[in-house]
Full PDB file with SEQRES, HELIX, SHEET, SSBOND, CRYST1, ORIGX, SCALE, CONECT and MASTER records, all heavy atoms in Angstrom:
SEQRES   1 A   34  LYS ILE GLN THR GLU LEU GLY TRP LYS PRO CYS VAL ASN          
SEQRES   2 A   34  LEU SER ASP GLY ILE SER THR THR VAL GLU TRP TYR LYS          
SEQRES   3 A   34  ARG ASN LYS GLN TRP ILE LYS ALA                              
HELIX    1 AA1 ILE A    2  LEU A    6  1                                   5    
HELIX    2 AA2 LEU A   14  ARG A   27  1                                  14    
HELIX    3 AA3 LYS A   29  LYS A   33  1                                   5    
CRYST1    1.000    1.000    1.000  90.00  90.00  90.00 P 1           1          
ORIGX1      1.000000  0.000000  0.000000        0.00000                         
ORIGX2      0.000000  1.000000  0.000000        0.00000                         
ORIGX3      0.000000  0.000000  1.000000        0.00000                         
SCALE1      1.000000  0.000000  0.000000        0.00000                         
SCALE2      0.000000  1.000000  0.000000        0.00000                         
SCALE3      0.000000  0.000000  1.000000        0.00000                         
ATOM      1  N   LYS A   1     128.885  -8.909 106.915  1.00  0.00           N  
ATOM      2  CA  LYS A   1     129.474  -7.519 107.436  1.00  0.00           C  
ATOM      3  C   LYS A   1     130.053  -6.776 106.337  1.00  0.00           C  
ATOM      4  O   LYS A   1     129.786  -5.649 106.078  1.00  0.00           O  
ATOM      5  CB  LYS A   1     130.374  -7.879 108.486  1.00  0.00           C  
ATOM      6  CG  LYS A   1     131.068  -6.569 109.222  1.00  0.00           C  
ATOM      7  CD  LYS A   1     131.876  -6.956 110.336  1.00  0.00           C  
ATOM      8  CE  LYS A   1     132.433  -5.759 110.949  1.00  0.00           C  
ATOM      9  NZ  LYS A   1     133.353  -6.189 112.260  1.00  0.00           N  
ATOM     10  N   ILE A   2     131.042  -7.444 105.551  1.00  0.00           N  
ATOM     11  CA  ILE A   2     131.612  -6.659 104.456  1.00  0.00           C  
ATOM     12  C   ILE A   2     130.776  -6.440 103.370  1.00  0.00           C  
ATOM     13  O   ILE A   2     130.840  -5.313 102.647  1.00  0.00           O  
ATOM     14  CB  ILE A   2     132.867  -7.517 103.980  1.00  0.00           C  
ATOM     15  CG1 ILE A   2     133.680  -6.668 103.053  1.00  0.00           C  
ATOM     16  CG2 ILE A   2     132.556  -8.843 103.355  1.00  0.00           C  
ATOM     17  CD1 ILE A   2     135.020  -7.214 102.682  1.00  0.00           C  
ATOM     18  N   GLN A   3     129.818  -7.204 103.117  1.00  0.00           N  
ATOM     19  CA  GLN A   3     128.774  -6.987 102.019  1.00  0.00           C  
ATOM     20  C   GLN A   3     127.790  -5.823 102.444  1.00  0.00           C  
ATOM     21  O   GLN A   3     127.593  -4.962 101.566  1.00  0.00           O  
ATOM     22  CB  GLN A   3     127.861  -8.263 101.857  1.00  0.00           C  
ATOM     23  CG  GLN A   3     128.640  -9.364 101.270  1.00  0.00           C  
ATOM     24  CD  GLN A   3     127.822 -10.559 101.281  1.00  0.00           C  
ATOM     25  OE1 GLN A   3     126.689 -10.707 101.755  1.00  0.00           O  
ATOM     26  NE2 GLN A   3     128.400 -11.756 100.729  1.00  0.00           N  
ATOM     27  N   THR A   4     127.452  -5.735 103.778  1.00  0.00           N  
ATOM     28  CA  THR A   4     126.538  -4.564 104.127  1.00  0.00           C  
ATOM     29  C   THR A   4     127.318  -3.318 104.378  1.00  0.00           C  
ATOM     30  O   THR A   4     126.781  -2.243 103.865  1.00  0.00           O  
ATOM     31  CB  THR A   4     125.950  -5.045 105.498  1.00  0.00           C  
ATOM     32  OG1 THR A   4     125.236  -6.281 105.366  1.00  0.00           O  
ATOM     33  CG2 THR A   4     124.921  -3.849 106.133  1.00  0.00           C  
ATOM     34  N   GLU A   5     128.443  -3.386 104.921  1.00  0.00           N  
ATOM     35  CA  GLU A   5     129.119  -2.086 105.212  1.00  0.00           C  
ATOM     36  C   GLU A   5     129.869  -1.574 104.054  1.00  0.00           C  
ATOM     37  O   GLU A   5     129.885  -0.394 103.760  1.00  0.00           O  
ATOM     38  CB  GLU A   5     130.205  -2.301 106.258  1.00  0.00           C  
ATOM     39  CG  GLU A   5     129.644  -2.558 107.677  1.00  0.00           C  
ATOM     40  CD  GLU A   5     130.651  -2.499 108.782  1.00  0.00           C  
ATOM     41  OE1 GLU A   5     131.828  -2.092 108.479  1.00  0.00           O  
ATOM     42  OE2 GLU A   5     130.381  -2.916 109.817  1.00  0.00           O  
ATOM     43  N   LEU A   6     130.435  -2.396 103.160  1.00  0.00           N  
ATOM     44  CA  LEU A   6     131.278  -1.979 102.075  1.00  0.00           C  
ATOM     45  C   LEU A   6     130.799  -2.355 100.768  1.00  0.00           C  
ATOM     46  O   LEU A   6     131.434  -1.910  99.673  1.00  0.00           O  
ATOM     47  CB  LEU A   6     132.820  -2.451 102.192  1.00  0.00           C  
ATOM     48  CG  LEU A   6     133.504  -2.261 103.596  1.00  0.00           C  
ATOM     49  CD1 LEU A   6     134.761  -2.808 103.626  1.00  0.00           C  
ATOM     50  CD2 LEU A   6     133.479  -0.665 103.894  1.00  0.00           C  
ATOM     51  N   GLY A   7     129.698  -3.162 100.597  1.00  0.00           N  
ATOM     52  CA  GLY A   7     129.211  -3.426  99.265  1.00  0.00           C  
ATOM     53  C   GLY A   7     129.915  -4.391  98.476  1.00  0.00           C  
ATOM     54  O   GLY A   7     129.786  -4.496  97.251  1.00  0.00           O  
ATOM     55  N   TRP A   8     130.809  -5.182  99.158  1.00  0.00           N  
ATOM     56  CA  TRP A   8     131.604  -6.163  98.387  1.00  0.00           C  
ATOM     57  C   TRP A   8     130.917  -7.486  98.379  1.00  0.00           C  
ATOM     58  O   TRP A   8     130.224  -8.015  99.363  1.00  0.00           O  
ATOM     59  CB  TRP A   8     133.056  -6.362  99.169  1.00  0.00           C  
ATOM     60  CG  TRP A   8     133.847  -7.585  98.440  1.00  0.00           C  
ATOM     61  CD1 TRP A   8     134.707  -7.314  97.460  1.00  0.00           C  
ATOM     62  CD2 TRP A   8     133.828  -8.930  98.795  1.00  0.00           C  
ATOM     63  NE1 TRP A   8     135.251  -8.466  97.200  1.00  0.00           N  
ATOM     64  CE2 TRP A   8     134.735  -9.482  97.998  1.00  0.00           C  
ATOM     65  CE3 TRP A   8     133.154  -9.664  99.750  1.00  0.00           C  
ATOM     66  CZ2 TRP A   8     135.036 -10.862  98.044  1.00  0.00           C  
ATOM     67  CZ3 TRP A   8     133.280 -11.069  99.817  1.00  0.00           C  
ATOM     68  CH2 TRP A   8     134.301 -11.644  98.834  1.00  0.00           C  
ATOM     69  N   LYS A   9     131.140  -8.188  97.164  1.00  0.00           N  
ATOM     70  CA  LYS A   9     130.742  -9.576  97.084  1.00  0.00           C  
ATOM     71  C   LYS A   9     131.643 -10.279  95.919  1.00  0.00           C  
ATOM     72  O   LYS A   9     132.133  -9.488  95.140  1.00  0.00           O  
ATOM     73  CB  LYS A   9     129.361  -9.763  96.681  1.00  0.00           C  
ATOM     74  CG  LYS A   9     128.903  -9.151  95.281  1.00  0.00           C  
ATOM     75  CD  LYS A   9     127.398  -9.406  94.992  1.00  0.00           C  
ATOM     76  CE  LYS A   9     127.064  -8.821  93.651  1.00  0.00           C  
ATOM     77  NZ  LYS A   9     125.615  -9.002  93.272  1.00  0.00           N  
ATOM     78  N   PRO A  10     131.915 -11.426  96.071  1.00  0.00           N  
ATOM     79  CA  PRO A  10     132.762 -12.141  95.104  1.00  0.00           C  
ATOM     80  C   PRO A  10     132.035 -12.041  93.607  1.00  0.00           C  
ATOM     81  O   PRO A  10     130.864 -12.148  93.577  1.00  0.00           O  
ATOM     82  CB  PRO A  10     132.957 -13.543  95.611  1.00  0.00           C  
ATOM     83  CG  PRO A  10     131.690 -13.727  96.406  1.00  0.00           C  
ATOM     84  CD  PRO A  10     131.393 -12.557  97.094  1.00  0.00           C  
ATOM     85  N   CYS A  11     132.978 -11.815  92.736  1.00  0.00           N  
ATOM     86  CA  CYS A  11     132.406 -11.735  91.256  1.00  0.00           C  
ATOM     87  C   CYS A  11     132.813 -12.955  90.400  1.00  0.00           C  
ATOM     88  O   CYS A  11     132.097 -13.134  89.509  1.00  0.00           O  
ATOM     89  CB  CYS A  11     133.110 -10.497  90.659  1.00  0.00           C  
ATOM     90  SG  CYS A  11     132.627  -8.963  91.314  1.00  0.00           S  
ATOM     91  N   VAL A  12     133.792 -13.711  90.891  1.00  0.00           N  
ATOM     92  CA  VAL A  12     134.311 -14.798  90.134  1.00  0.00           C  
ATOM     93  C   VAL A  12     133.780 -16.228  90.657  1.00  0.00           C  
ATOM     94  O   VAL A  12     134.089 -16.544  91.789  1.00  0.00           O  
ATOM     95  CB  VAL A  12     135.807 -14.946  90.015  1.00  0.00           C  
ATOM     96  CG1 VAL A  12     136.306 -16.071  89.128  1.00  0.00           C  
ATOM     97  CG2 VAL A  12     136.341 -13.531  89.507  1.00  0.00           C  
ATOM     98  N   ASN A  13     132.999 -16.789  89.903  1.00  0.00           N  
ATOM     99  CA  ASN A  13     132.463 -18.181  90.286  1.00  0.00           C  
ATOM    100  C   ASN A  13     133.545 -19.252  90.215  1.00  0.00           C  
ATOM    101  O   ASN A  13     134.581 -18.978  89.509  1.00  0.00           O  
ATOM    102  CB  ASN A  13     131.151 -18.521  89.609  1.00  0.00           C  
ATOM    103  CG  ASN A  13     131.395 -18.710  88.108  1.00  0.00           C  
ATOM    104  OD1 ASN A  13     132.315 -19.595  87.701  1.00  0.00           O  
ATOM    105  ND2 ASN A  13     130.580 -18.377  87.334  1.00  0.00           N  
ATOM    106  N   LEU A  14     133.419 -20.331  90.878  1.00  0.00           N  
ATOM    107  CA  LEU A  14     134.508 -21.322  91.018  1.00  0.00           C  
ATOM    108  C   LEU A  14     134.858 -21.861  89.611  1.00  0.00           C  
ATOM    109  O   LEU A  14     135.929 -22.094  89.361  1.00  0.00           O  
ATOM    110  CB  LEU A  14     134.079 -22.340  92.004  1.00  0.00           C  
ATOM    111  CG  LEU A  14     135.263 -23.376  92.359  1.00  0.00           C  
ATOM    112  CD1 LEU A  14     136.475 -22.638  92.889  1.00  0.00           C  
ATOM    113  CD2 LEU A  14     134.701 -24.417  93.262  1.00  0.00           C  
ATOM    114  N   SER A  15     133.823 -22.139  88.864  1.00  0.00           N  
ATOM    115  CA  SER A  15     134.199 -22.735  87.635  1.00  0.00           C  
ATOM    116  C   SER A  15     135.015 -21.984  86.639  1.00  0.00           C  
ATOM    117  O   SER A  15     135.966 -22.350  86.117  1.00  0.00           O  
ATOM    118  CB  SER A  15     132.756 -23.105  86.851  1.00  0.00           C  
ATOM    119  OG  SER A  15     132.998 -23.696  85.551  1.00  0.00           O  
ATOM    120  N   ASP A  16     134.639 -20.634  86.598  1.00  0.00           N  
ATOM    121  CA  ASP A  16     135.386 -19.647  85.784  1.00  0.00           C  
ATOM    122  C   ASP A  16     136.776 -19.430  86.463  1.00  0.00           C  
ATOM    123  O   ASP A  16     137.766 -19.344  85.671  1.00  0.00           O  
ATOM    124  CB  ASP A  16     134.678 -18.401  85.737  1.00  0.00           C  
ATOM    125  CG  ASP A  16     133.515 -18.414  84.802  1.00  0.00           C  
ATOM    126  OD1 ASP A  16     133.260 -19.367  84.066  1.00  0.00           O  
ATOM    127  OD2 ASP A  16     132.597 -17.529  84.977  1.00  0.00           O  
ATOM    128  N   GLY A  17     136.839 -19.326  87.749  1.00  0.00           N  
ATOM    129  CA  GLY A  17     138.103 -18.990  88.466  1.00  0.00           C  
ATOM    130  C   GLY A  17     139.089 -20.142  88.306  1.00  0.00           C  
ATOM    131  O   GLY A  17     140.267 -19.968  88.063  1.00  0.00           O  
ATOM    132  N   ILE A  18     138.607 -21.427  88.371  1.00  0.00           N  
ATOM    133  CA  ILE A  18     139.441 -22.606  88.325  1.00  0.00           C  
ATOM    134  C   ILE A  18     139.922 -22.692  86.854  1.00  0.00           C  
ATOM    135  O   ILE A  18     141.149 -23.032  86.545  1.00  0.00           O  
ATOM    136  CB  ILE A  18     138.779 -23.765  88.738  1.00  0.00           C  
ATOM    137  CG1 ILE A  18     138.696 -23.826  90.213  1.00  0.00           C  
ATOM    138  CG2 ILE A  18     139.673 -25.008  88.222  1.00  0.00           C  
ATOM    139  CD1 ILE A  18     140.006 -23.916  90.958  1.00  0.00           C  
ATOM    140  N   SER A  19     139.137 -22.451  85.820  1.00  0.00           N  
ATOM    141  CA  SER A  19     139.490 -22.545  84.375  1.00  0.00           C  
ATOM    142  C   SER A  19     140.515 -21.536  84.199  1.00  0.00           C  
ATOM    143  O   SER A  19     141.584 -21.787  83.392  1.00  0.00           O  
ATOM    144  CB  SER A  19     138.187 -22.323  83.498  1.00  0.00           C  
ATOM    145  OG  SER A  19     137.320 -23.386  83.735  1.00  0.00           O  
ATOM    146  N   THR A  20     140.408 -20.314  84.612  1.00  0.00           N  
ATOM    147  CA  THR A  20     141.403 -19.225  84.543  1.00  0.00           C  
ATOM    148  C   THR A  20     142.757 -19.578  85.063  1.00  0.00           C  
ATOM    149  O   THR A  20     143.822 -19.441  84.552  1.00  0.00           O  
ATOM    150  CB  THR A  20     140.963 -17.881  85.172  1.00  0.00           C  
ATOM    151  OG1 THR A  20     139.630 -17.452  84.423  1.00  0.00           O  
ATOM    152  CG2 THR A  20     141.921 -16.796  84.994  1.00  0.00           C  
ATOM    153  N   THR A  21     142.736 -20.197  86.263  1.00  0.00           N  
ATOM    154  CA  THR A  21     143.883 -20.482  86.967  1.00  0.00           C  
ATOM    155  C   THR A  21     144.700 -21.709  86.209  1.00  0.00           C  
ATOM    156  O   THR A  21     145.788 -21.698  86.116  1.00  0.00           O  
ATOM    157  CB  THR A  21     143.556 -20.964  88.435  1.00  0.00           C  
ATOM    158  OG1 THR A  21     142.846 -19.926  89.066  1.00  0.00           O  
ATOM    159  CG2 THR A  21     144.786 -21.445  89.207  1.00  0.00           C  
ATOM    160  N   VAL A  22     143.835 -22.625  85.789  1.00  0.00           N  
ATOM    161  CA  VAL A  22     144.416 -23.829  85.087  1.00  0.00           C  
ATOM    162  C   VAL A  22     145.207 -23.264  83.759  1.00  0.00           C  
ATOM    163  O   VAL A  22     146.212 -23.698  83.550  1.00  0.00           O  
ATOM    164  CB  VAL A  22     143.387 -24.821  84.674  1.00  0.00           C  
ATOM    165  CG1 VAL A  22     143.954 -25.973  83.666  1.00  0.00           C  
ATOM    166  CG2 VAL A  22     142.900 -25.602  85.862  1.00  0.00           C  
ATOM    167  N   GLU A  23     144.419 -22.270  83.107  1.00  0.00           N  
ATOM    168  CA  GLU A  23     145.123 -21.814  81.904  1.00  0.00           C  
ATOM    169  C   GLU A  23     146.354 -21.092  82.068  1.00  0.00           C  
ATOM    170  O   GLU A  23     147.300 -21.144  81.448  1.00  0.00           O  
ATOM    171  CB  GLU A  23     144.065 -20.822  81.115  1.00  0.00           C  
ATOM    172  CG  GLU A  23     143.017 -21.670  80.540  1.00  0.00           C  
ATOM    173  CD  GLU A  23     143.509 -22.671  79.502  1.00  0.00           C  
ATOM    174  OE1 GLU A  23     144.431 -22.304  78.588  1.00  0.00           O  
ATOM    175  OE2 GLU A  23     143.065 -23.856  79.522  1.00  0.00           O  
ATOM    176  N   TRP A  24     146.418 -20.344  83.239  1.00  0.00           N  
ATOM    177  CA  TRP A  24     147.562 -19.620  83.664  1.00  0.00           C  
ATOM    178  C   TRP A  24     148.788 -20.619  83.856  1.00  0.00           C  
ATOM    179  O   TRP A  24     149.770 -20.262  83.394  1.00  0.00           O  
ATOM    180  CB  TRP A  24     147.291 -18.679  85.030  1.00  0.00           C  
ATOM    181  CG  TRP A  24     148.444 -17.815  85.268  1.00  0.00           C  
ATOM    182  CD1 TRP A  24     148.707 -16.555  84.799  1.00  0.00           C  
ATOM    183  CD2 TRP A  24     149.678 -18.168  86.139  1.00  0.00           C  
ATOM    184  NE1 TRP A  24     149.865 -16.129  85.280  1.00  0.00           N  
ATOM    185  CE2 TRP A  24     150.453 -17.011  86.076  1.00  0.00           C  
ATOM    186  CE3 TRP A  24     149.996 -19.274  86.844  1.00  0.00           C  
ATOM    187  CZ2 TRP A  24     151.698 -16.983  86.843  1.00  0.00           C  
ATOM    188  CZ3 TRP A  24     151.146 -19.116  87.555  1.00  0.00           C  
ATOM    189  CH2 TRP A  24     152.018 -18.114  87.493  1.00  0.00           C  
ATOM    190  N   TYR A  25     148.625 -21.623  84.712  1.00  0.00           N  
ATOM    191  CA  TYR A  25     149.563 -22.498  84.957  1.00  0.00           C  
ATOM    192  C   TYR A  25     150.083 -23.161  83.667  1.00  0.00           C  
ATOM    193  O   TYR A  25     151.318 -23.618  83.528  1.00  0.00           O  
ATOM    194  CB  TYR A  25     149.255 -23.500  85.969  1.00  0.00           C  
ATOM    195  CG  TYR A  25     149.331 -23.061  87.379  1.00  0.00           C  
ATOM    196  CD1 TYR A  25     148.174 -22.397  88.054  1.00  0.00           C  
ATOM    197  CD2 TYR A  25     150.534 -22.907  88.130  1.00  0.00           C  
ATOM    198  CE1 TYR A  25     148.289 -21.828  89.249  1.00  0.00           C  
ATOM    199  CE2 TYR A  25     150.693 -22.552  89.326  1.00  0.00           C  
ATOM    200  CZ  TYR A  25     149.546 -21.858  89.943  1.00  0.00           C  
ATOM    201  OH  TYR A  25     149.609 -21.350  91.246  1.00  0.00           O  
ATOM    202  N   LYS A  26     149.099 -23.513  82.775  1.00  0.00           N  
ATOM    203  CA  LYS A  26     149.516 -24.173  81.513  1.00  0.00           C  
ATOM    204  C   LYS A  26     150.462 -23.190  80.710  1.00  0.00           C  
ATOM    205  O   LYS A  26     151.369 -23.660  79.970  1.00  0.00           O  
ATOM    206  CB  LYS A  26     148.216 -24.469  80.650  1.00  0.00           C  
ATOM    207  CG  LYS A  26     147.508 -25.614  81.187  1.00  0.00           C  
ATOM    208  CD  LYS A  26     146.067 -25.863  80.419  1.00  0.00           C  
ATOM    209  CE  LYS A  26     146.264 -26.165  78.926  1.00  0.00           C  
ATOM    210  NZ  LYS A  26     144.941 -26.436  78.474  1.00  0.00           N  
ATOM    211  N   ARG A  27     150.106 -21.846  80.732  1.00  0.00           N  
ATOM    212  CA  ARG A  27     150.965 -20.856  80.052  1.00  0.00           C  
ATOM    213  C   ARG A  27     152.306 -20.550  80.665  1.00  0.00           C  
ATOM    214  O   ARG A  27     153.140 -20.021  80.129  1.00  0.00           O  
ATOM    215  CB  ARG A  27     150.166 -19.622  79.779  1.00  0.00           C  
ATOM    216  CG  ARG A  27     148.874 -19.628  78.878  1.00  0.00           C  
ATOM    217  CD  ARG A  27     148.585 -18.287  78.413  1.00  0.00           C  
ATOM    218  NE  ARG A  27     148.194 -17.424  79.631  1.00  0.00           N  
ATOM    219  CZ  ARG A  27     147.028 -17.283  80.370  1.00  0.00           C  
ATOM    220  NH1 ARG A  27     146.052 -18.017  80.067  1.00  0.00           N  
ATOM    221  NH2 ARG A  27     147.110 -16.503  81.443  1.00  0.00           N  
ATOM    222  N   ASN A  28     152.395 -20.990  81.881  1.00  0.00           N  
ATOM    223  CA  ASN A  28     153.565 -20.417  82.638  1.00  0.00           C  
ATOM    224  C   ASN A  28     154.258 -21.745  83.389  1.00  0.00           C  
ATOM    225  O   ASN A  28     154.647 -21.833  84.458  1.00  0.00           O  
ATOM    226  CB  ASN A  28     153.154 -19.586  83.819  1.00  0.00           C  
ATOM    227  CG  ASN A  28     152.673 -18.245  83.293  1.00  0.00           C  
ATOM    228  OD1 ASN A  28     153.457 -17.358  83.038  1.00  0.00           O  
ATOM    229  ND2 ASN A  28     151.395 -18.053  83.118  1.00  0.00           N  
ATOM    230  N   LYS A  29     154.567 -22.761  82.545  1.00  0.00           N  
ATOM    231  CA  LYS A  29     155.252 -23.905  82.988  1.00  0.00           C  
ATOM    232  C   LYS A  29     156.581 -23.693  83.352  1.00  0.00           C  
ATOM    233  O   LYS A  29     157.221 -24.358  84.276  1.00  0.00           O  
ATOM    234  CB  LYS A  29     155.169 -24.941  81.866  1.00  0.00           C  
ATOM    235  CG  LYS A  29     153.733 -25.506  81.584  1.00  0.00           C  
ATOM    236  CD  LYS A  29     153.794 -26.575  80.464  1.00  0.00           C  
ATOM    237  CE  LYS A  29     152.311 -27.120  80.180  1.00  0.00           C  
ATOM    238  NZ  LYS A  29     152.407 -28.152  79.160  1.00  0.00           N  
ATOM    239  N   GLN A  30     157.222 -22.648  82.706  1.00  0.00           N  
ATOM    240  CA  GLN A  30     158.627 -22.218  83.123  1.00  0.00           C  
ATOM    241  C   GLN A  30     158.645 -21.616  84.494  1.00  0.00           C  
ATOM    242  O   GLN A  30     159.743 -21.703  85.306  1.00  0.00           O  
ATOM    243  CB  GLN A  30     159.118 -21.275  82.034  1.00  0.00           C  
ATOM    244  CG  GLN A  30     159.514 -21.871  80.726  1.00  0.00           C  
ATOM    245  CD  GLN A  30     160.340 -23.058  80.845  1.00  0.00           C  
ATOM    246  OE1 GLN A  30     161.374 -23.091  81.459  1.00  0.00           O  
ATOM    247  NE2 GLN A  30     159.908 -24.234  80.211  1.00  0.00           N  
ATOM    248  N   TRP A  31     157.569 -20.891  84.948  1.00  0.00           N  
ATOM    249  CA  TRP A  31     157.496 -20.345  86.265  1.00  0.00           C  
ATOM    250  C   TRP A  31     157.495 -21.528  87.292  1.00  0.00           C  
ATOM    251  O   TRP A  31     158.199 -21.500  88.302  1.00  0.00           O  
ATOM    252  CB  TRP A  31     156.198 -19.691  86.480  1.00  0.00           C  
ATOM    253  CG  TRP A  31     155.923 -18.945  87.721  1.00  0.00           C  
ATOM    254  CD1 TRP A  31     156.455 -17.689  88.114  1.00  0.00           C  
ATOM    255  CD2 TRP A  31     155.218 -19.465  88.825  1.00  0.00           C  
ATOM    256  NE1 TRP A  31     155.897 -17.479  89.469  1.00  0.00           N  
ATOM    257  CE2 TRP A  31     155.214 -18.528  89.793  1.00  0.00           C  
ATOM    258  CE3 TRP A  31     154.599 -20.721  89.020  1.00  0.00           C  
ATOM    259  CZ2 TRP A  31     154.564 -18.693  91.069  1.00  0.00           C  
ATOM    260  CZ3 TRP A  31     153.948 -20.964  90.247  1.00  0.00           C  
ATOM    261  CH2 TRP A  31     153.951 -19.906  91.298  1.00  0.00           C  
ATOM    262  N   ILE A  32     156.862 -22.683  86.938  1.00  0.00           N  
ATOM    263  CA  ILE A  32     156.891 -23.817  87.936  1.00  0.00           C  
ATOM    264  C   ILE A  32     158.205 -24.507  87.831  1.00  0.00           C  
ATOM    265  O   ILE A  32     158.716 -24.838  88.918  1.00  0.00           O  
ATOM    266  CB  ILE A  32     155.621 -24.819  87.452  1.00  0.00           C  
ATOM    267  CG1 ILE A  32     154.318 -24.083  87.579  1.00  0.00           C  
ATOM    268  CG2 ILE A  32     155.702 -26.055  88.283  1.00  0.00           C  
ATOM    269  CD1 ILE A  32     153.184 -25.014  86.863  1.00  0.00           C  
ATOM    270  N   LYS A  33     158.791 -24.694  86.623  1.00  0.00           N  
ATOM    271  CA  LYS A  33     160.116 -25.361  86.595  1.00  0.00           C  
ATOM    272  C   LYS A  33     161.151 -24.502  87.320  1.00  0.00           C  
ATOM    273  O   LYS A  33     161.951 -25.286  87.970  1.00  0.00           O  
ATOM    274  CB  LYS A  33     160.479 -25.499  85.140  1.00  0.00           C  
ATOM    275  CG  LYS A  33     159.552 -26.385  84.354  1.00  0.00           C  
ATOM    276  CD  LYS A  33     159.662 -27.802  84.876  1.00  0.00           C  
ATOM    277  CE  LYS A  33     158.849 -28.732  83.914  1.00  0.00           C  
ATOM    278  NZ  LYS A  33     158.923 -30.173  84.531  1.00  0.00           N  
ATOM    279  N   ALA A  34     161.107 -23.270  87.213  1.00  0.00           N  
ATOM    280  CA  ALA A  34     162.135 -22.498  88.013  1.00  0.00           C  
ATOM    281  C   ALA A  34     162.021 -22.758  89.583  1.00  0.00           C  
ATOM    282  O   ALA A  34     163.065 -22.807  90.208  1.00  0.00           O  
ATOM    283  CB  ALA A  34     161.878 -20.967  87.688  1.00  0.00           C  
TER     284      ALA A  34                                                      
MASTER        0    0    0    3    0    0    0    6  283    1    0    3          
END                                                                             
């Protein structure tokens, strides 16, 4: 429905998205510690 009506589809595959997420948490350990 959203693909047909609004032309949306996901752009980030799981491998890239998880890698990006892991890197963010590695860079933001103080955010976790807080």
